[in-house]
Amino acid sequence: MNLPLIFKLAAGFMVLWVLQMWFLPSMVEETFGWNSSPDLRVLMRYMGMAMAALATLHWTLPMWAGENLSNFGMVTAIFWGLFGVMGVYDIAVGISPSTAPNFISTGMNFVFSILFFVNSRKS
């Protein structure tokens, strides 16, 4: 597995979240144990847009970065790891429910973090 492929896989994972936030907000609210409100729905639309921007950057970065892609990969590994740590914390203190979808998405953050780190070191 190479670094450009990992960036594209991560972009695909983020697109799944974008689609959920935009078109299945009730499912996202249920997964995280949130109480639905008009304000939350607006926030989710903006979060979806921010994630769409990040997904686009992940998808296109291998075309732009050239030989510096491994530097971006290391920084990206840190942020994916931090998202994973935040997910563990939220589950541990009861902010997010201890459900399979939360464990899977948190686990995927760590998987991508490790993949970015390992493959950035290879490059």
PDB file of N, CA and C in Angstrom:
ATOM      1  N   MET A   1       0.864  -1.177   0.000  1.00  0.00           N
ATOM      2  CA  MET A   1       0.000   0.000   0.000  1.00  0.00           C
ATOM      3  C   MET A   1       0.904   1.232   0.000  1.00  0.00           C
ATOM      4  N   ASN A   2       0.578   2.186  -0.844  1.00  0.00           N
ATOM      5  CA  ASN A   2       1.409   3.382  -0.917  1.00  0.00           C
ATOM      6  C   ASN A   2       0.659   4.602  -0.373  1.00  0.00           C
ATOM      7  N   LEU A   3       1.409   5.641  -0.126  1.00  0.00           N
ATOM      8  CA  LEU A   3       0.867   6.838   0.518  1.00  0.00           C
ATOM      9  C   LEU A   3      -0.244   7.513  -0.288  1.00  0.00           C
ATOM     10  N   PRO A   4      -0.110   7.680  -1.610  1.00  0.00           N
ATOM     11  CA  PRO A   4      -1.222   8.287  -2.355  1.00  0.00           C
ATOM     12  C   PRO A   4      -2.525   7.493  -2.227  1.00  0.00           C
ATOM     13  N   LEU A   5      -2.414   6.161  -2.203  1.00  0.00           N
ATOM     14  CA  LEU A   5      -3.611   5.336  -2.047  1.00  0.00           C
ATOM     15  C   LEU A   5      -4.247   5.546  -0.671  1.00  0.00           C
ATOM     16  N   ILE A   6      -3.432   5.672   0.356  1.00  0.00           N
ATOM     17  CA  ILE A   6      -3.962   5.889   1.704  1.00  0.00           C
ATOM     18  C   ILE A   6      -4.686   7.230   1.783  1.00  0.00           C
ATOM     19  N   PHE A   7      -4.139   8.257   1.150  1.00  0.00           N
ATOM     20  CA  PHE A   7      -4.832   9.546   1.117  1.00  0.00           C
ATOM     21  C   PHE A   7      -6.199   9.403   0.446  1.00  0.00           C
ATOM     22  N   LYS A   8      -6.263   8.637  -0.630  1.00  0.00           N
ATOM     23  CA  LYS A   8      -7.533   8.463  -1.337  1.00  0.00           C
ATOM     24  C   LYS A   8      -8.522   7.630  -0.514  1.00  0.00           C
ATOM     25  N   LEU A   9      -8.042   6.589   0.155  1.00  0.00           N
ATOM     26  CA  LEU A   9      -8.918   5.789   1.019  1.00  0.00           C
ATOM     27  C   LEU A   9      -9.473   6.634   2.165  1.00  0.00           C
ATOM     28  N   ALA A  10      -8.628   7.461   2.747  1.00  0.00           N
ATOM     29  CA  ALA A  10      -9.077   8.345   3.830  1.00  0.00           C
ATOM     30  C   ALA A  10     -10.116   9.330   3.315  1.00  0.00           C
ATOM     31  N   ALA A  11      -9.914   9.838   2.101  1.00  0.00           N
ATOM     32  CA  ALA A  11     -10.899  10.745   1.501  1.00  0.00           C
ATOM     33  C   ALA A  11     -12.233  10.030   1.334  1.00  0.00           C
ATOM     34  N   GLY A  12     -12.193   8.787   0.887  1.00  0.00           N
ATOM     35  CA  GLY A  12     -13.423   8.010   0.740  1.00  0.00           C
ATOM     36  C   GLY A  12     -14.136   7.804   2.060  1.00  0.00           C
ATOM     37  N   PHE A  13     -13.370   7.531   3.123  1.00  0.00           N
ATOM     38  CA  PHE A  13     -13.962   7.367   4.451  1.00  0.00           C
ATOM     39  C   PHE A  13     -14.643   8.661   4.894  1.00  0.00           C
ATOM     40  N   MET A  14     -13.999   9.783   4.623  1.00  0.00           N
ATOM     41  CA  MET A  14     -14.589  11.072   4.996  1.00  0.00           C
ATOM     42  C   MET A  14     -15.847  11.368   4.186  1.00  0.00           C
ATOM     43  N   VAL A  15     -15.861  10.973   2.920  1.00  0.00           N
ATOM     44  CA  VAL A  15     -17.048  11.201   2.092  1.00  0.00           C
ATOM     45  C   VAL A  15     -18.248  10.455   2.670  1.00  0.00           C
ATOM     46  N   LEU A  16     -18.021   9.269   3.231  1.00  0.00           N
ATOM     47  CA  LEU A  16     -19.123   8.549   3.884  1.00  0.00           C
ATOM     48  C   LEU A  16     -19.730   9.391   5.003  1.00  0.00           C
ATOM     49  N   TRP A  17     -18.880  10.052   5.781  1.00  0.00           N
ATOM     50  CA  TRP A  17     -19.364  10.915   6.859  1.00  0.00           C
ATOM     51  C   TRP A  17     -20.077  12.143   6.315  1.00  0.00           C
ATOM     52  N   VAL A  18     -19.560  12.698   5.228  1.00  0.00           N
ATOM     53  CA  VAL A  18     -20.212  13.857   4.602  1.00  0.00           C
ATOM     54  C   VAL A  18     -21.627  13.480   4.182  1.00  0.00           C
ATOM     55  N   LEU A  19     -21.752  12.350   3.510  1.00  0.00           N
ATOM     56  CA  LEU A  19     -23.072  11.916   3.049  1.00  0.00           C
ATOM     57  C   LEU A  19     -24.029  11.687   4.216  1.00  0.00           C
ATOM     58  N   GLN A  20     -23.506  11.108   5.294  1.00  0.00           N
ATOM     59  CA  GLN A  20     -24.355  10.888   6.470  1.00  0.00           C
ATOM     60  C   GLN A  20     -24.799  12.206   7.087  1.00  0.00           C
ATOM     61  N   MET A  21     -23.891  13.145   7.228  1.00  0.00           N
ATOM     62  CA  MET A  21     -24.250  14.422   7.853  1.00  0.00           C
ATOM     63  C   MET A  21     -25.245  15.202   7.012  1.00  0.00           C
ATOM     64  N   TRP A  22     -25.114  15.122   5.702  1.00  0.00           N
ATOM     65  CA  TRP A  22     -26.007  15.875   4.829  1.00  0.00           C
ATOM     66  C   TRP A  22     -27.340  15.180   4.585  1.00  0.00           C
ATOM     67  N   PHE A  23     -27.308  13.853   4.410  1.00  0.00           N
ATOM     68  CA  PHE A  23     -28.516  13.159   3.967  1.00  0.00           C
ATOM     69  C   PHE A  23     -29.121  12.205   4.996  1.00  0.00           C
ATOM     70  N   LEU A  24     -28.378  11.865   6.043  1.00  0.00           N
ATOM     71  CA  LEU A  24     -28.878  10.977   7.092  1.00  0.00           C
ATOM     72  C   LEU A  24     -28.577  11.546   8.477  1.00  0.00           C
ATOM     73  N   PRO A  25     -28.935  12.802   8.719  1.00  0.00           N
ATOM     74  CA  PRO A  25     -28.563  13.410  10.001  1.00  0.00           C
ATOM     75  C   PRO A  25     -29.167  12.689  11.206  1.00  0.00           C
ATOM     76  N   SER A  26     -30.345  12.118  11.053  1.00  0.00           N
ATOM     77  CA  SER A  26     -30.960  11.403  12.179  1.00  0.00           C
ATOM     78  C   SER A  26     -30.101  10.222  12.608  1.00  0.00           C
ATOM     79  N   MET A  27     -29.512   9.533  11.636  1.00  0.00           N
ATOM     80  CA  MET A  27     -28.658   8.395  11.952  1.00  0.00           C
ATOM     81  C   MET A  27     -27.413   8.851  12.718  1.00  0.00           C
ATOM     82  N   VAL A  28     -26.821   9.961  12.296  1.00  0.00           N
ATOM     83  CA  VAL A  28     -25.638  10.484  12.986  1.00  0.00           C
ATOM     84  C   VAL A  28     -26.010  10.893  14.410  1.00  0.00           C
ATOM     85  N   GLU A  29     -27.138  11.559  14.552  1.00  0.00           N
ATOM     86  CA  GLU A  29     -27.587  11.983  15.891  1.00  0.00           C
ATOM     87  C   GLU A  29     -27.786  10.779  16.798  1.00  0.00           C
ATOM     88  N   GLU A  30     -28.380   9.734  16.264  1.00  0.00           N
ATOM     89  CA  GLU A  30     -28.622   8.535  17.063  1.00  0.00           C
ATOM     90  C   GLU A  30     -27.310   7.854  17.441  1.00  0.00           C
ATOM     91  N   THR A  31     -26.377   7.788  16.495  1.00  0.00           N
ATOM     92  CA  THR A  31     -25.087   7.147  16.743  1.00  0.00           C
ATOM     93  C   THR A  31     -24.345   7.814  17.896  1.00  0.00           C
ATOM     94  N   PHE A  32     -24.384   9.131  17.941  1.00  0.00           N
ATOM     95  CA  PHE A  32     -23.652   9.859  18.972  1.00  0.00           C
ATOM     96  C   PHE A  32     -24.499  10.202  20.189  1.00  0.00           C
ATOM     97  N   GLY A  33     -25.769   9.822  20.170  1.00  0.00           N
ATOM     98  CA  GLY A  33     -26.631  10.101  21.312  1.00  0.00           C
ATOM     99  C   GLY A  33     -26.999  11.561  21.440  1.00  0.00           C
ATOM    100  N   TRP A  34     -27.077  12.273  20.321  1.00  0.00           N
ATOM    101  CA  TRP A  34     -27.409  13.693  20.335  1.00  0.00           C
ATOM    102  C   TRP A  34     -28.914  13.886  20.281  1.00  0.00           C
ATOM    103  N   ASN A  35     -29.390  14.947  20.902  1.00  0.00           N
ATOM    104  CA  ASN A  35     -30.793  15.340  20.791  1.00  0.00           C
ATOM    105  C   ASN A  35     -30.931  16.267  19.593  1.00  0.00           C
ATOM    106  N   SER A  36     -31.824  15.897  18.695  1.00  0.00           N
ATOM    107  CA  SER A  36     -31.991  16.666  17.466  1.00  0.00           C
ATOM    108  C   SER A  36     -32.563  18.047  17.748  1.00  0.00           C
ATOM    109  N   SER A  37     -32.060  19.011  16.995  1.00  0.00           N
ATOM    110  CA  SER A  37     -32.592  20.370  17.056  1.00  0.00           C
ATOM    111  C   SER A  37     -32.262  21.047  15.730  1.00  0.00           C
ATOM    112  N   PRO A  38     -32.990  22.098  15.387  1.00  0.00           N
ATOM    113  CA  PRO A  38     -32.647  22.824  14.156  1.00  0.00           C
ATOM    114  C   PRO A  38     -31.209  23.358  14.176  1.00  0.00           C
ATOM    115  N   ASP A  39     -30.758  23.810  15.338  1.00  0.00           N
ATOM    116  CA  ASP A  39     -29.384  24.319  15.438  1.00  0.00           C
ATOM    117  C   ASP A  39     -28.362  23.218  15.159  1.00  0.00           C
ATOM    118  N   LEU A  40     -28.619  22.025  15.691  1.00  0.00           N
ATOM    119  CA  LEU A  40     -27.705  20.908  15.467  1.00  0.00           C
ATOM    120  C   LEU A  40     -27.670  20.528  13.991  1.00  0.00           C
ATOM    121  N   ARG A  41     -28.810  20.554  13.344  1.00  0.00           N
ATOM    122  CA  ARG A  41     -28.862  20.223  11.911  1.00  0.00           C
ATOM    123  C   ARG A  41     -28.039  21.223  11.091  1.00  0.00           C
ATOM    124  N   VAL A  42     -28.113  22.499  11.448  1.00  0.00           N
ATOM    125  CA  VAL A  42     -27.305  23.508  10.749  1.00  0.00           C
ATOM    126  C   VAL A  42     -25.819  23.233  10.989  1.00  0.00           C
ATOM    127  N   LEU A  43     -25.465  22.956  12.237  1.00  0.00           N
ATOM    128  CA  LEU A  43     -24.075  22.657  12.570  1.00  0.00           C
ATOM    129  C   LEU A  43     -23.580  21.443  11.791  1.00  0.00           C
ATOM    130  N   MET A  44     -24.419  20.424  11.670  1.00  0.00           N
ATOM    131  CA  MET A  44     -24.019  19.224  10.937  1.00  0.00           C
ATOM    132  C   MET A  44     -23.795  19.520   9.454  1.00  0.00           C
ATOM    133  N   ARG A  45     -24.598  20.397   8.883  1.00  0.00           N
ATOM    134  CA  ARG A  45     -24.381  20.771   7.479  1.00  0.00           C
ATOM    135  C   ARG A  45     -23.014  21.440   7.311  1.00  0.00           C
ATOM    136  N   TYR A  46     -22.675  22.330   8.243  1.00  0.00           N
ATOM    137  CA  TYR A  46     -21.370  22.997   8.165  1.00  0.00           C
ATOM    138  C   TYR A  46     -20.225  22.019   8.448  1.00  0.00           C
ATOM    139  N   MET A  47     -20.422  21.109   9.397  1.00  0.00           N
ATOM    140  CA  MET A  47     -19.408  20.085   9.651  1.00  0.00           C
ATOM    141  C   MET A  47     -19.214  19.217   8.414  1.00  0.00           C
ATOM    142  N   GLY A  48     -20.316  18.896   7.748  1.00  0.00           N
ATOM    143  CA  GLY A  48     -20.229  18.127   6.512  1.00  0.00           C
ATOM    144  C   GLY A  48     -19.454  18.867   5.444  1.00  0.00           C
ATOM    145  N   MET A  49     -19.675  20.172   5.344  1.00  0.00           N
ATOM    146  CA  MET A  49     -18.940  20.973   4.358  1.00  0.00           C
ATOM    147  C   MET A  49     -17.449  21.008   4.693  1.00  0.00           C
ATOM    148  N   ALA A  50     -17.122  21.174   5.975  1.00  0.00           N
ATOM    149  CA  ALA A  50     -15.712  21.171   6.382  1.00  0.00           C
ATOM    150  C   ALA A  50     -15.074  19.823   6.073  1.00  0.00           C
ATOM    151  N   MET A  51     -15.799  18.744   6.333  1.00  0.00           N
ATOM    152  CA  MET A  51     -15.259  17.426   6.047  1.00  0.00           C
ATOM    153  C   MET A  51     -15.139  17.203   4.541  1.00  0.00           C
ATOM    154  N   ALA A  52     -16.067  17.757   3.760  1.00  0.00           N
ATOM    155  CA  ALA A  52     -15.965  17.656   2.300  1.00  0.00           C
ATOM    156  C   ALA A  52     -14.700  18.365   1.811  1.00  0.00           C
ATOM    157  N   ALA A  53     -14.386  19.506   2.415  1.00  0.00           N
ATOM    158  CA  ALA A  53     -13.162  20.225   2.048  1.00  0.00           C
ATOM    159  C   ALA A  53     -11.928  19.395   2.405  1.00  0.00           C
ATOM    160  N   LEU A  54     -11.928  18.792   3.591  1.00  0.00           N
ATOM    161  CA  LEU A  54     -10.794  17.953   3.988  1.00  0.00           C
ATOM    162  C   LEU A  54     -10.675  16.722   3.097  1.00  0.00           C
ATOM    163  N   ALA A  55     -11.807  16.131   2.737  1.00  0.00           N
ATOM    164  CA  ALA A  55     -11.781  14.968   1.843  1.00  0.00           C
ATOM    165  C   ALA A  55     -11.197  15.351   0.487  1.00  0.00           C
ATOM    166  N   THR A  56     -11.584  16.520  -0.009  1.00  0.00           N
ATOM    167  CA  THR A  56     -11.053  16.995  -1.289  1.00  0.00           C
ATOM    168  C   THR A  56      -9.544  17.207  -1.197  1.00  0.00           C
ATOM    169  N   LEU A  57      -9.085  17.782  -0.093  1.00  0.00           N
ATOM    170  CA  LEU A  57      -7.636  17.959   0.091  1.00  0.00           C
ATOM    171  C   LEU A  57      -6.919  16.614   0.152  1.00  0.00           C
ATOM    172  N   HIS A  58      -7.498  15.652   0.883  1.00  0.00           N
ATOM    173  CA  HIS A  58      -6.887  14.325   0.950  1.00  0.00           C
ATOM    174  C   HIS A  58      -6.800  13.702  -0.448  1.00  0.00           C
ATOM    175  N   TRP A  59      -7.840  13.879  -1.240  1.00  0.00           N
ATOM    176  CA  TRP A  59      -7.885  13.270  -2.568  1.00  0.00           C
ATOM    177  C   TRP A  59      -6.863  13.913  -3.516  1.00  0.00           C
ATOM    178  N   THR A  60      -6.734  15.232  -3.431  1.00  0.00           N
ATOM    179  CA  THR A  60      -5.899  15.943  -4.402  1.00  0.00           C
ATOM    180  C   THR A  60      -4.456  16.165  -3.946  1.00  0.00           C
ATOM    181  N   LEU A  61      -4.188  16.055  -2.669  1.00  0.00           N
ATOM    182  CA  LEU A  61      -2.842  16.319  -2.157  1.00  0.00           C
ATOM    183  C   LEU A  61      -1.756  15.482  -2.829  1.00  0.00           C
ATOM    184  N   PRO A  62      -1.986  14.197  -3.100  1.00  0.00           N
ATOM    185  CA  PRO A  62      -0.928  13.435  -3.781  1.00  0.00           C
ATOM    186  C   PRO A  62      -0.543  14.012  -5.145  1.00  0.00           C
ATOM    187  N   MET A  63      -1.469  14.705  -5.800  1.00  0.00           N
ATOM    188  CA  MET A  63      -1.152  15.317  -7.097  1.00  0.00           C
ATOM    189  C   MET A  63      -0.311  16.579  -6.927  1.00  0.00           C
ATOM    190  N   TRP A  64      -0.477  17.276  -5.822  1.00  0.00           N
ATOM    191  CA  TRP A  64       0.171  18.568  -5.614  1.00  0.00           C
ATOM    192  C   TRP A  64       1.495  18.481  -4.862  1.00  0.00           C
ATOM    193  N   ALA A  65       1.573  17.566  -3.922  1.00  0.00           N
ATOM    194  CA  ALA A  65       2.691  17.579  -2.974  1.00  0.00           C
ATOM    195  C   ALA A  65       3.995  17.056  -3.558  1.00  0.00           C
ATOM    196  N   GLY A  66       3.915  16.206  -4.549  1.00  0.00           N
ATOM    197  CA  GLY A  66       5.133  15.660  -5.140  1.00  0.00           C
ATOM    198  C   GLY A  66       5.969  14.910  -4.119  1.00  0.00           C
ATOM    199  N   GLU A  67       7.249  15.259  -4.048  1.00  0.00           N
ATOM    200  CA  GLU A  67       8.159  14.562  -3.138  1.00  0.00           C
ATOM    201  C   GLU A  67       7.943  14.938  -1.675  1.00  0.00           C
ATOM    202  N   ASN A  68       7.142  15.944  -1.417  1.00  0.00           N
ATOM    203  CA  ASN A  68       6.862  16.354  -0.036  1.00  0.00           C
ATOM    204  C   ASN A  68       5.657  15.633   0.563  1.00  0.00           C
ATOM    205  N   LEU A  69       5.090  14.673  -0.157  1.00  0.00           N
ATOM    206  CA  LEU A  69       3.883  14.006   0.324  1.00  0.00           C
ATOM    207  C   LEU A  69       4.097  13.333   1.679  1.00  0.00           C
ATOM    208  N   SER A  70       5.289  12.791   1.909  1.00  0.00           N
ATOM    209  CA  SER A  70       5.534  12.128   3.195  1.00  0.00           C
ATOM    210  C   SER A  70       5.471  13.121   4.357  1.00  0.00           C
ATOM    211  N   ASN A  71       5.852  14.375   4.130  1.00  0.00           N
ATOM    212  CA  ASN A  71       5.723  15.391   5.185  1.00  0.00           C
ATOM    213  C   ASN A  71       4.254  15.629   5.517  1.00  0.00           C
ATOM    214  N   PHE A  72       3.433  15.739   4.486  1.00  0.00           N
ATOM    215  CA  PHE A  72       1.998  15.889   4.713  1.00  0.00           C
ATOM    216  C   PHE A  72       1.433  14.641   5.386  1.00  0.00           C
ATOM    217  N   GLY A  73       1.956  13.483   5.004  1.00  0.00           N
ATOM    218  CA  GLY A  73       1.492  12.232   5.600  1.00  0.00           C
ATOM    219  C   GLY A  73       1.742  12.177   7.094  1.00  0.00           C
ATOM    220  N   MET A  74       2.892  12.663   7.528  1.00  0.00           N
ATOM    221  CA  MET A  74       3.203  12.666   8.967  1.00  0.00           C
ATOM    222  C   MET A  74       2.265  13.587   9.734  1.00  0.00           C
ATOM    223  N   VAL A  75       2.036  14.773   9.198  1.00  0.00           N
ATOM    224  CA  VAL A  75       1.114  15.711   9.853  1.00  0.00           C
ATOM    225  C   VAL A  75      -0.291  15.119   9.877  1.00  0.00           C
ATOM    226  N   THR A  76      -0.682  14.513   8.772  1.00  0.00           N
ATOM    227  CA  THR A  76      -2.001  13.901   8.689  1.00  0.00           C
ATOM    228  C   THR A  76      -2.131  12.773   9.702  1.00  0.00           C
ATOM    229  N   ALA A  77      -1.072  11.986   9.883  1.00  0.00           N
ATOM    230  CA  ALA A  77      -1.090  10.900  10.867  1.00  0.00           C
ATOM    231  C   ALA A  77      -1.368  11.441  12.265  1.00  0.00           C
ATOM    232  N   ILE A  78      -0.768  12.558  12.590  1.00  0.00           N
ATOM    233  CA  ILE A  78      -0.979  13.160  13.913  1.00  0.00           C
ATOM    234  C   ILE A  78      -2.443  13.539  14.101  1.00  0.00           C
ATOM    235  N   PHE A  79      -3.029  14.193  13.100  1.00  0.00           N
ATOM    236  CA  PHE A  79      -4.420  14.627  13.254  1.00  0.00           C
ATOM    237  C   PHE A  79      -5.396  13.454  13.284  1.00  0.00           C
ATOM    238  N   TRP A  80      -5.168  12.428  12.463  1.00  0.00           N
ATOM    239  CA  TRP A  80      -6.039  11.255  12.535  1.00  0.00           C
ATOM    240  C   TRP A  80      -5.911  10.603  13.917  1.00  0.00           C
ATOM    241  N   GLY A  81      -4.698  10.549  14.450  1.00  0.00           N
ATOM    242  CA  GLY A  81      -4.507   9.999  15.790  1.00  0.00           C
ATOM    243  C   GLY A  81      -5.213  10.821  16.856  1.00  0.00           C
ATOM    244  N   LEU A  82      -5.150  12.144  16.729  1.00  0.00           N
ATOM    245  CA  LEU A  82      -5.839  13.012  17.694  1.00  0.00           C
ATOM    246  C   LEU A  82      -7.355  12.821  17.637  1.00  0.00           C
ATOM    247  N   PHE A  83      -7.895  12.664  16.431  1.00  0.00           N
ATOM    248  CA  PHE A  83      -9.330  12.380  16.325  1.00  0.00           C
ATOM    249  C   PHE A  83      -9.664  11.061  17.019  1.00  0.00           C
ATOM    250  N   GLY A  84      -8.779  10.076  16.880  1.00  0.00           N
ATOM    251  CA  GLY A  84      -8.991   8.805  17.567  1.00  0.00           C
ATOM    252  C   GLY A  84      -8.971   8.960  19.076  1.00  0.00           C
ATOM    253  N   VAL A  85      -8.008   9.720  19.581  1.00  0.00           N
ATOM    254  CA  VAL A  85      -7.915   9.965  21.030  1.00  0.00           C
ATOM    255  C   VAL A  85      -9.169  10.681  21.526  1.00  0.00           C
ATOM    256  N   MET A  86      -9.644  11.661  20.762  1.00  0.00           N
ATOM    257  CA  MET A  86     -10.877  12.366  21.152  1.00  0.00           C
ATOM    258  C   MET A  86     -12.057  11.398  21.201  1.00  0.00           C
ATOM    259  N   GLY A  87     -12.123  10.477  20.238  1.00  0.00           N
ATOM    260  CA  GLY A  87     -13.198   9.492  20.234  1.00  0.00           C
ATOM    261  C   GLY A  87     -13.148   8.585  21.451  1.00  0.00           C
ATOM    262  N   VAL A  88     -11.948   8.127  21.805  1.00  0.00           N
ATOM    263  CA  VAL A  88     -11.791   7.282  22.997  1.00  0.00           C
ATOM    264  C   VAL A  88     -12.206   8.056  24.243  1.00  0.00           C
ATOM    265  N   TYR A  89     -11.761   9.291  24.351  1.00  0.00           N
ATOM    266  CA  TYR A  89     -12.117  10.118  25.506  1.00  0.00           C
ATOM    267  C   TYR A  89     -13.631  10.293  25.605  1.00  0.00           C
ATOM    268  N   ASP A  90     -14.270  10.637  24.496  1.00  0.00           N
ATOM    269  CA  ASP A  90     -15.717  10.859  24.513  1.00  0.00           C
ATOM    270  C   ASP A  90     -16.475   9.605  24.929  1.00  0.00           C
ATOM    271  N   ILE A  91     -16.015   8.444  24.484  1.00  0.00           N
ATOM    272  CA  ILE A  91     -16.659   7.192  24.886  1.00  0.00           C
ATOM    273  C   ILE A  91     -16.373   6.905  26.357  1.00  0.00           C
ATOM    274  N   ALA A  92     -15.127   7.110  26.785  1.00  0.00           N
ATOM    275  CA  ALA A  92     -14.727   6.791  28.162  1.00  0.00           C
ATOM    276  C   ALA A  92     -15.479   7.615  29.198  1.00  0.00           C
ATOM    277  N   VAL A  93     -15.736   8.890  28.904  1.00  0.00           N
ATOM    278  CA  VAL A  93     -16.414   9.739  29.893  1.00  0.00           C
ATOM    279  C   VAL A  93     -17.923   9.790  29.685  1.00  0.00           C
ATOM    280  N   GLY A  94     -18.422   9.043  28.695  1.00  0.00           N
ATOM    281  CA  GLY A  94     -19.860   8.960  28.497  1.00  0.00           C
ATOM    282  C   GLY A  94     -20.463  10.043  27.623  1.00  0.00           C
ATOM    283  N   ILE A  95     -19.636  10.845  26.962  1.00  0.00           N
ATOM    284  CA  ILE A  95     -20.162  11.862  26.049  1.00  0.00           C
ATOM    285  C   ILE A  95     -20.779  11.189  24.828  1.00  0.00           C
ATOM    286  N   SER A  96     -20.093  10.165  24.316  1.00  0.00           N
ATOM    287  CA  SER A  96     -20.611   9.357  23.210  1.00  0.00           C
ATOM    288  C   SER A  96     -20.963   7.979  23.749  1.00  0.00           C
ATOM    289  N   PRO A  97     -22.033   7.377  23.242  1.00  0.00           N
ATOM    290  CA  PRO A  97     -22.402   6.047  23.730  1.00  0.00           C
ATOM    291  C   PRO A  97     -21.384   4.984  23.318  1.00  0.00           C
ATOM    292  N   SER A  98     -21.282   3.948  24.130  1.00  0.00           N
ATOM    293  CA  SER A  98     -20.381   2.827  23.837  1.00  0.00           C
ATOM    294  C   SER A  98     -21.080   1.875  22.872  1.00  0.00           C
ATOM    295  N   THR A  99     -21.122   2.262  21.612  1.00  0.00           N
ATOM    296  CA  THR A  99     -21.796   1.458  20.594  1.00  0.00           C
ATOM    297  C   THR A  99     -20.798   1.047  19.519  1.00  0.00           C
ATOM    298  N   ALA A 100     -21.161   0.005  18.784  1.00  0.00           N
ATOM    299  CA  ALA A 100     -20.280  -0.493  17.729  1.00  0.00           C
ATOM    300  C   ALA A 100     -19.910   0.591  16.713  1.00  0.00           C
ATOM    301  N   PRO A 101     -20.865   1.401  16.220  1.00  0.00           N
ATOM    302  CA  PRO A 101     -20.460   2.430  15.252  1.00  0.00           C
ATOM    303  C   PRO A 101     -19.418   3.407  15.808  1.00  0.00           C
ATOM    304  N   ASN A 102     -19.531   3.752  17.082  1.00  0.00           N
ATOM    305  CA  ASN A 102     -18.550   4.667  17.673  1.00  0.00           C
ATOM    306  C   ASN A 102     -17.185   4.003  17.815  1.00  0.00           C
ATOM    307  N   PHE A 103     -17.178   2.721  18.206  1.00  0.00           N
ATOM    308  CA  PHE A 103     -15.902   2.012  18.317  1.00  0.00           C
ATOM    309  C   PHE A 103     -15.259   1.833  16.942  1.00  0.00           C
ATOM    310  N   ILE A 104     -16.074   1.525  15.941  1.00  0.00           N
ATOM    311  CA  ILE A 104     -15.539   1.316  14.591  1.00  0.00           C
ATOM    312  C   ILE A 104     -14.960   2.610  14.026  1.00  0.00           C
ATOM    313  N   SER A 105     -15.706   3.709  14.139  1.00  0.00           N
ATOM    314  CA  SER A 105     -15.195   4.968  13.575  1.00  0.00           C
ATOM    315  C   SER A 105     -13.957   5.446  14.324  1.00  0.00           C
ATOM    316  N   THR A 106     -13.935   5.261  15.641  1.00  0.00           N
ATOM    317  CA  THR A 106     -12.744   5.630  16.414  1.00  0.00           C
ATOM    318  C   THR A 106     -11.570   4.743  16.025  1.00  0.00           C
ATOM    319  N   GLY A 107     -11.841   3.459  15.865  1.00  0.00           N
ATOM    320  CA  GLY A 107     -10.791   2.538  15.436  1.00  0.00           C
ATOM    321  C   GLY A 107     -10.240   2.886  14.067  1.00  0.00           C
ATOM    322  N   MET A 108     -11.124   3.297  13.158  1.00  0.00           N
ATOM    323  CA  MET A 108     -10.679   3.683  11.816  1.00  0.00           C
ATOM    324  C   MET A 108      -9.756   4.898  11.866  1.00  0.00           C
ATOM    325  N   ASN A 109     -10.010   5.805  12.802  1.00  0.00           N
ATOM    326  CA  ASN A 109      -9.104   6.951  12.956  1.00  0.00           C
ATOM    327  C   ASN A 109      -7.692   6.473  13.282  1.00  0.00           C
ATOM    328  N   PHE A 110      -7.592   5.502  14.191  1.00  0.00           N
ATOM    329  CA  PHE A 110      -6.270   4.978  14.554  1.00  0.00           C
ATOM    330  C   PHE A 110      -5.644   4.192  13.402  1.00  0.00           C
ATOM    331  N   VAL A 111      -6.472   3.435  12.676  1.00  0.00           N
ATOM    332  CA  VAL A 111      -5.953   2.682  11.529  1.00  0.00           C
ATOM    333  C   VAL A 111      -5.353   3.635  10.502  1.00  0.00           C
ATOM    334  N   PHE A 112      -6.096   4.690  10.160  1.00  0.00           N
ATOM    335  CA  PHE A 112      -5.562   5.649   9.189  1.00  0.00           C
ATOM    336  C   PHE A 112      -4.331   6.363   9.737  1.00  0.00           C
ATOM    337  N   SER A 113      -4.324   6.682  11.010  1.00  0.00           N
ATOM    338  CA  SER A 113      -3.160   7.332  11.610  1.00  0.00           C
ATOM    339  C   SER A 113      -1.919   6.456  11.455  1.00  0.00           C
ATOM    340  N   ILE A 114      -2.070   5.187  11.767  1.00  0.00           N
ATOM    341  CA  ILE A 114      -0.940   4.252  11.659  1.00  0.00           C
ATOM    342  C   ILE A 114      -0.511   4.092  10.205  1.00  0.00           C
ATOM    343  N   LEU A 115      -1.490   3.948   9.304  1.00  0.00           N
ATOM    344  CA  LEU A 115      -1.156   3.805   7.884  1.00  0.00           C
ATOM    345  C   LEU A 115      -0.406   5.028   7.360  1.00  0.00           C
ATOM    346  N   PHE A 116      -0.879   6.214   7.720  1.00  0.00           N
ATOM    347  CA  PHE A 116      -0.183   7.427   7.283  1.00  0.00           C
ATOM    348  C   PHE A 116       1.229   7.472   7.857  1.00  0.00           C
ATOM    349  N   PHE A 117       1.371   7.160   9.140  1.00  0.00           N
ATOM    350  CA  PHE A 117       2.682   7.222   9.786  1.00  0.00           C
ATOM    351  C   PHE A 117       3.659   6.231   9.154  1.00  0.00           C
ATOM    352  N   VAL A 118       3.241   4.978   9.063  1.00  0.00           N
ATOM    353  CA  VAL A 118       4.131   3.931   8.546  1.00  0.00           C
ATOM    354  C   VAL A 118       4.519   4.209   7.100  1.00  0.00           C
ATOM    355  N   ASN A 119       3.552   4.559   6.280  1.00  0.00           N
ATOM    356  CA  ASN A 119       3.848   4.776   4.864  1.00  0.00           C
ATOM    357  C   ASN A 119       4.583   6.088   4.613  1.00  0.00           C
ATOM    358  N   SER A 120       4.439   7.056   5.494  1.00  0.00           N
ATOM    359  CA  SER A 120       5.217   8.294   5.365  1.00  0.00           C
ATOM    360  C   SER A 120       6.678   8.040   5.696  1.00  0.00           C
ATOM    361  N   ARG A 121       6.925   7.142   6.627  1.00  0.00           N
ATOM    362  CA  ARG A 121       8.313   6.810   6.988  1.00  0.00           C
ATOM    363  C   ARG A 121       9.004   6.034   5.875  1.00  0.00           C
ATOM    364  N   LYS A 122       8.224   5.258   5.116  1.00  0.00           N
ATOM    365  CA  LYS A 122       8.788   4.500   3.993  1.00  0.00           C
ATOM    366  C   LYS A 122       9.232   5.422   2.866  1.00  0.00           C
ATOM    367  N   SER A 123       8.471   6.502   2.673  1.00  0.00           N
ATOM    368  CA  SER A 123       8.714   7.390   1.517  1.00  0.00           C
ATOM    369  C   SER A 123       9.968   8.217   1.685  1.00  0.00           C
TER     370      SER A 123
END
